[in-house]
Protein backbone atom coordinates (compact mmCIF):
# COMPACT_ATOMS: atom_id res chain seq x y z
CA MET A 1 -42.94 1.57 60.41
CA ASN A 2 -40.39 3.72 61.56
CA LYS A 3 -40.29 5.63 58.06
CA LEU A 4 -37.50 8.35 59.68
CA PRO A 5 -33.96 6.64 58.12
CA MET A 6 -35.87 5.99 54.70
CA THR A 7 -37.04 9.85 54.74
CA LEU A 8 -33.69 11.06 55.32
CA THR A 9 -32.11 9.18 53.18
CA ALA A 10 -34.04 10.55 50.40
CA LEU A 11 -32.80 13.65 51.35
CA LEU A 12 -29.54 13.31 51.11
CA SER A 13 -29.76 12.01 47.87
CA LEU A 14 -31.55 14.83 47.06
CA SER A 15 -29.38 17.01 48.54
CA THR A 16 -26.39 15.33 46.47
CA ILE A 17 -27.69 15.56 42.89
CA SER A 18 -25.14 17.29 40.10
CA HIS A 19 -26.53 20.40 38.45
CA ALA A 20 -25.69 20.54 35.13
CA ALA A 21 -25.26 24.25 33.11
CA VAL A 22 -24.24 25.71 30.46
CA VAL A 23 -21.75 28.76 32.05
CA VAL A 24 -20.45 30.16 28.34
CA SER A 25 -21.69 29.99 25.10
CA ASP A 26 -20.96 31.76 21.63
CA ASN A 27 -22.38 30.52 18.24
CA PHE A 28 -20.64 33.78 16.43
CA SER A 29 -24.26 34.47 15.18
CA TYR A 30 -23.31 38.41 14.48
CA SER A 31 -23.25 40.60 11.02
CA ASP A 32 -20.04 40.29 9.46
CA GLY A 33 -17.44 42.38 10.61
CA ASP A 34 -14.38 42.14 13.48
CA VAL A 35 -15.26 40.26 15.80
CA ASP A 36 -13.98 43.14 19.02
CA THR A 37 -16.61 44.90 17.08
CA VAL A 38 -19.08 42.24 16.80
CA GLY A 39 -18.84 40.16 19.08
CA THR A 40 -20.57 41.28 22.21
CA GLY A 41 -23.68 38.51 22.60
CA GLY A 42 -23.27 34.81 23.89
CA THR A 43 -23.53 34.13 27.18
CA GLY A 44 -21.37 33.69 30.53
CA TRP A 45 -18.78 36.61 28.92
CA ALA A 46 -17.97 39.61 31.52
CA GLU A 47 -16.63 41.65 27.94
CA THR A 48 -16.55 41.62 24.50
CA TRP A 49 -14.29 40.49 22.55
CA GLN A 50 -11.37 41.58 22.92
CA ASN A 51 -8.62 43.02 19.94
CA GLY A 52 -5.29 41.85 21.75
CA ASN A 53 -2.58 41.87 19.52
CA SER A 54 -4.40 42.28 16.06
CA ASN A 55 -4.75 45.10 13.55
CA ASP A 56 -6.40 46.73 10.47
CA THR A 57 -5.68 43.48 8.69
CA ARG A 58 -4.53 40.15 10.79
CA ARG A 59 -7.48 39.57 13.17
CA PHE A 60 -10.32 37.70 13.56
CA ILE A 61 -13.93 38.21 12.01
CA VAL A 62 -17.57 37.30 11.81
CA SER A 63 -18.35 35.91 8.53
CA SER A 64 -21.81 34.40 7.35
CA GLY A 65 -21.84 33.44 11.51
CA SER A 66 -18.10 31.90 11.71
CA ALA A 67 -14.81 33.61 13.64
CA ILE A 68 -12.66 33.79 10.80
CA PHE A 69 -8.59 34.31 10.67
CA GLN A 70 -7.69 37.08 8.88
CA GLY A 71 -4.26 36.30 8.06
CA GLY A 72 -3.24 39.70 6.16
CA GLY A 73 0.42 38.99 4.79
CA ASN A 74 1.71 39.11 8.60
CA SER A 75 2.99 35.83 9.98
CA THR A 76 3.00 36.81 13.20
CA THR A 77 1.08 34.72 15.65
CA THR A 78 -2.66 36.16 16.84
CA GLU A 79 -5.19 35.91 20.47
CA GLN A 80 -8.00 38.32 21.37
CA THR A 81 -9.75 36.77 23.93
CA ARG A 82 -12.64 37.17 26.01
CA ALA A 83 -12.83 37.08 30.28
CA PHE A 84 -15.70 34.86 31.61
CA THR A 85 -17.94 37.02 33.67
CA SER A 86 -17.24 34.58 36.83
CA ALA A 87 -13.50 32.24 37.14
CA ILE A 88 -14.42 28.70 37.30
CA THR A 89 -12.30 26.18 39.35
CA LEU A 90 -13.54 22.30 39.07
CA GLY A 91 -14.75 21.54 43.14
CA THR A 92 -13.82 17.35 43.50
CA ASN A 93 -16.27 15.41 40.87
CA ASP A 94 -16.79 17.80 38.72
CA THR A 95 -17.01 17.96 34.95
CA LEU A 96 -16.34 21.01 32.83
CA THR A 97 -16.90 19.94 29.66
CA ILE A 98 -16.00 22.73 26.63
CA ASN A 99 -17.24 22.29 22.88
CA PHE A 100 -16.61 23.86 19.21
CA THR A 101 -16.76 23.62 15.60
CA LEU A 102 -13.02 23.93 13.69
CA ILE A 103 -12.81 25.08 10.92
CA ARG A 104 -9.98 24.49 8.68
CA PRO A 105 -10.46 24.34 4.44
CA GLU A 106 -6.78 25.11 4.57
CA THR A 107 -4.87 22.32 5.16
CA GLN A 108 -1.76 23.62 5.64
CA SER A 109 0.51 22.98 7.89
CA GLY A 110 1.79 25.68 9.05
CA ARG A 111 -1.57 26.85 9.20
CA GLY A 112 -2.40 27.18 13.58
CA ILE A 113 -6.34 27.81 14.05
CA GLY A 114 -7.74 26.68 18.07
CA ILE A 115 -8.81 27.95 20.97
CA THR A 116 -6.42 28.83 24.00
CA LEU A 117 -8.08 28.28 27.80
CA LYS A 118 -7.18 31.45 29.82
CA ASP A 119 -6.15 31.06 33.87
CA THR A 120 -5.49 35.20 34.92
CA GLY A 121 -4.55 36.14 31.86
CA SER A 122 -1.89 33.50 31.48
CA THR A 123 -2.20 30.42 28.44
CA SER A 124 -2.95 26.98 29.94
CA PHE A 125 -3.88 25.15 27.11
CA PHE A 126 -4.26 25.67 23.49
CA ILE A 127 -7.17 23.41 21.91
CA GLY A 128 -6.73 23.34 18.26
CA LYS A 129 -3.88 22.49 15.57
CA LYS A 130 -0.40 23.50 16.04
CA ILE A 131 2.05 25.55 13.88
CA ASN A 132 3.40 22.40 11.67
CA GLY A 133 1.33 20.09 14.16
CA SER A 134 -1.54 17.51 14.38
CA VAL A 135 -5.61 18.97 15.70
CA GLY A 136 -5.11 18.06 19.65
CA LEU A 137 -4.46 19.51 23.17
CA HIS A 138 -1.25 20.91 23.06
CA ASP A 139 0.76 23.80 25.17
CA ALA A 140 0.69 26.47 22.80
CA ILE A 141 0.20 27.27 19.17
CA ASN A 142 3.36 27.13 18.22
CA ILE A 143 6.21 25.11 16.66
CA GLY A 144 7.73 23.57 19.74
CA ALA A 145 5.19 23.59 21.59
CA THR A 146 3.81 20.40 24.19
CA SER A 147 1.56 18.16 23.16
CA HIS A 148 -0.35 15.54 25.19
CA SER A 149 -2.42 14.07 22.78
CA THR A 150 -3.81 14.68 19.15
CA PHE A 151 -6.29 13.09 16.69
CA SER A 152 -5.11 10.61 13.64
CA SER A 153 -7.78 12.53 11.59
CA SER A 154 -8.85 16.06 11.23
CA PRO A 155 -11.84 16.43 8.26
CA SER A 156 -12.19 20.43 6.93
CA SER A 157 -14.82 20.98 9.97
CA GLN A 158 -14.57 19.06 13.40
CA ASP A 159 -16.24 19.16 16.16
CA ILE A 160 -14.23 19.21 19.63
CA THR A 161 -14.28 18.44 22.58
CA ALA A 162 -12.34 18.66 25.32
CA THR A 163 -14.55 16.78 28.38
CA ILE A 164 -12.29 18.07 32.27
CA THR A 165 -12.77 16.27 35.42
CA TYR A 166 -11.49 16.76 38.40
CA ASP A 167 -11.14 14.26 41.40
CA GLY A 168 -10.20 15.79 44.58
CA ALA A 169 -6.17 15.35 43.52
CA ASN A 170 -6.01 14.98 40.24
CA THR A 171 -7.05 17.12 36.79
CA SER A 172 -7.99 14.36 34.04
CA ILE A 173 -8.61 16.09 30.18
CA VAL A 174 -9.98 13.59 27.69
CA MET A 175 -10.04 15.05 24.10
CA SER A 176 -12.87 13.77 21.38
CA ASP A 177 -14.45 14.74 18.11
CA SER A 178 -16.99 12.02 16.00
CA ASN A 179 -15.18 9.61 15.22
CA GLU A 180 -12.43 9.21 18.36
CA THR A 181 -11.72 9.44 22.36
CA LEU A 182 -7.99 10.43 22.93
CA SER A 183 -6.37 9.27 26.36
CA ALA A 184 -6.75 11.04 29.15
CA HIS A 185 -3.96 14.33 29.87
CA SER A 186 -3.67 14.50 33.56
CA PHE A 187 -1.92 16.53 36.25
CA ALA A 188 -2.22 16.96 40.03
CA GLY A 189 -4.13 19.79 41.17
CA ALA A 190 -6.80 21.36 40.19
CA PHE A 191 -8.43 23.13 36.03
CA SER A 192 -8.80 26.64 36.73
CA ILE A 193 -10.27 28.77 34.00
CA ASP A 194 -11.56 31.80 33.12
CA GLY A 195 -11.40 32.84 29.96
CA ILE A 196 -10.55 31.34 25.97
CA GLY A 197 -9.00 33.32 23.27
CA LEU A 198 -9.18 32.64 19.57
CA ASN A 199 -5.83 32.14 18.37
CA ALA A 200 -4.23 31.15 15.09
CA TYR A 201 -1.05 31.70 12.78
CA HIS A 202 -0.66 32.13 9.40
CA ALA A 203 0.13 35.02 6.62
CA SER A 204 -2.05 33.97 3.40
CA THR A 205 -5.02 32.21 5.99
CA THR A 206 -9.13 33.76 4.90
CA THR A 207 -10.86 30.80 5.40
CA ASN A 208 -9.95 28.98 9.30
CA GLY A 209 -11.77 29.90 12.45
CA VAL A 210 -13.74 28.81 15.15
CA ASP A 211 -17.73 28.59 15.73
CA ASN A 212 -20.60 26.78 17.94
CA LEU A 213 -18.57 27.86 21.37
CA SER A 214 -19.70 26.72 24.47
CA VAL A 215 -18.51 25.81 27.77
CA ASP A 216 -20.77 23.65 30.18
CA LEU A 217 -20.24 22.55 34.13
CA VAL A 218 -21.08 20.04 36.19
CA ALA A 219 -20.95 21.17 39.54
CA VAL A 220 -21.49 18.10 42.51
CA PRO A 221 -22.42 20.13 45.36
CA GLU A 222 -19.91 20.15 48.51
CA PRO A 223 -20.42 17.16 51.19
CA SER A 224 -20.63 19.57 54.20
CA VAL A 225 -23.31 20.88 51.22
CA SER A 226 -25.73 18.33 51.80
CA ALA A 227 -25.17 17.67 55.05
CA LEU A 228 -26.39 20.49 56.34
CA LEU A 229 -29.40 20.31 53.47
CA GLY A 230 -30.13 16.64 55.20
CA LEU A 231 -30.53 17.46 58.62
CA GLY A 232 -32.58 20.90 58.10
CA GLY A 233 -34.49 18.41 56.42
CA LEU A 234 -34.45 15.75 59.23
CA ALA A 235 -35.05 19.20 61.50
CA LEU A 236 -38.38 19.72 59.97
CA ILE A 237 -40.04 16.23 59.49
CA ILE A 238 -38.37 15.41 63.94
CA ARG A 239 -40.57 18.79 64.17
CA ARG A 240 -43.24 18.36 62.43
CA ARG A 241 -43.73 14.63 64.47
CA LYS A 242 -44.13 16.29 67.44
């Protein structure tokens, strides 16, 4: 029996196995203090948390291992960002998963809180509680920003997952928590991200925040890479059989 075709098939199968990795994470396990001062750890970051447009009273702080917003009596939307070590652009059939805990004991409608997904300095999406809106996937935190999918309810502590996939033509983002999986928001083209921002609004906020932030990538090798790996394995087999 000729085992060569079977062996080649096995090699090609191995070469197309996807590779999962946590590329970015921050659990905010720091001593208490301003996030742009103490927020230097985690995985996959090119820099510390930046001060952005915050000031001495209106800012994110680390308190008891979470990033908590302090409104400081100033009604200005605040964002403090952090860039990834390497930008991510999804390839065909890749899956990017963004997880974080939204902390929201202050449930007043006007108190916005969440994270922004950054691409070359611009906000591509906001995930969290929009000002005078619901928790979900939005274009921005601001009133009037387009909402793409929203949860029917939001507890004071909510573990949120955004699952982002690309099929070679369109990107799909599916939001979920422990109780709901929302309808996908889809758009043409591949999704890219190179940083995340902590984003909040309301002068009186003192306990809303973000924790347990992670970004996971499941990358599928390009067909050309798979083919090369398979041919390389075939060449080794042929050489050994001669």
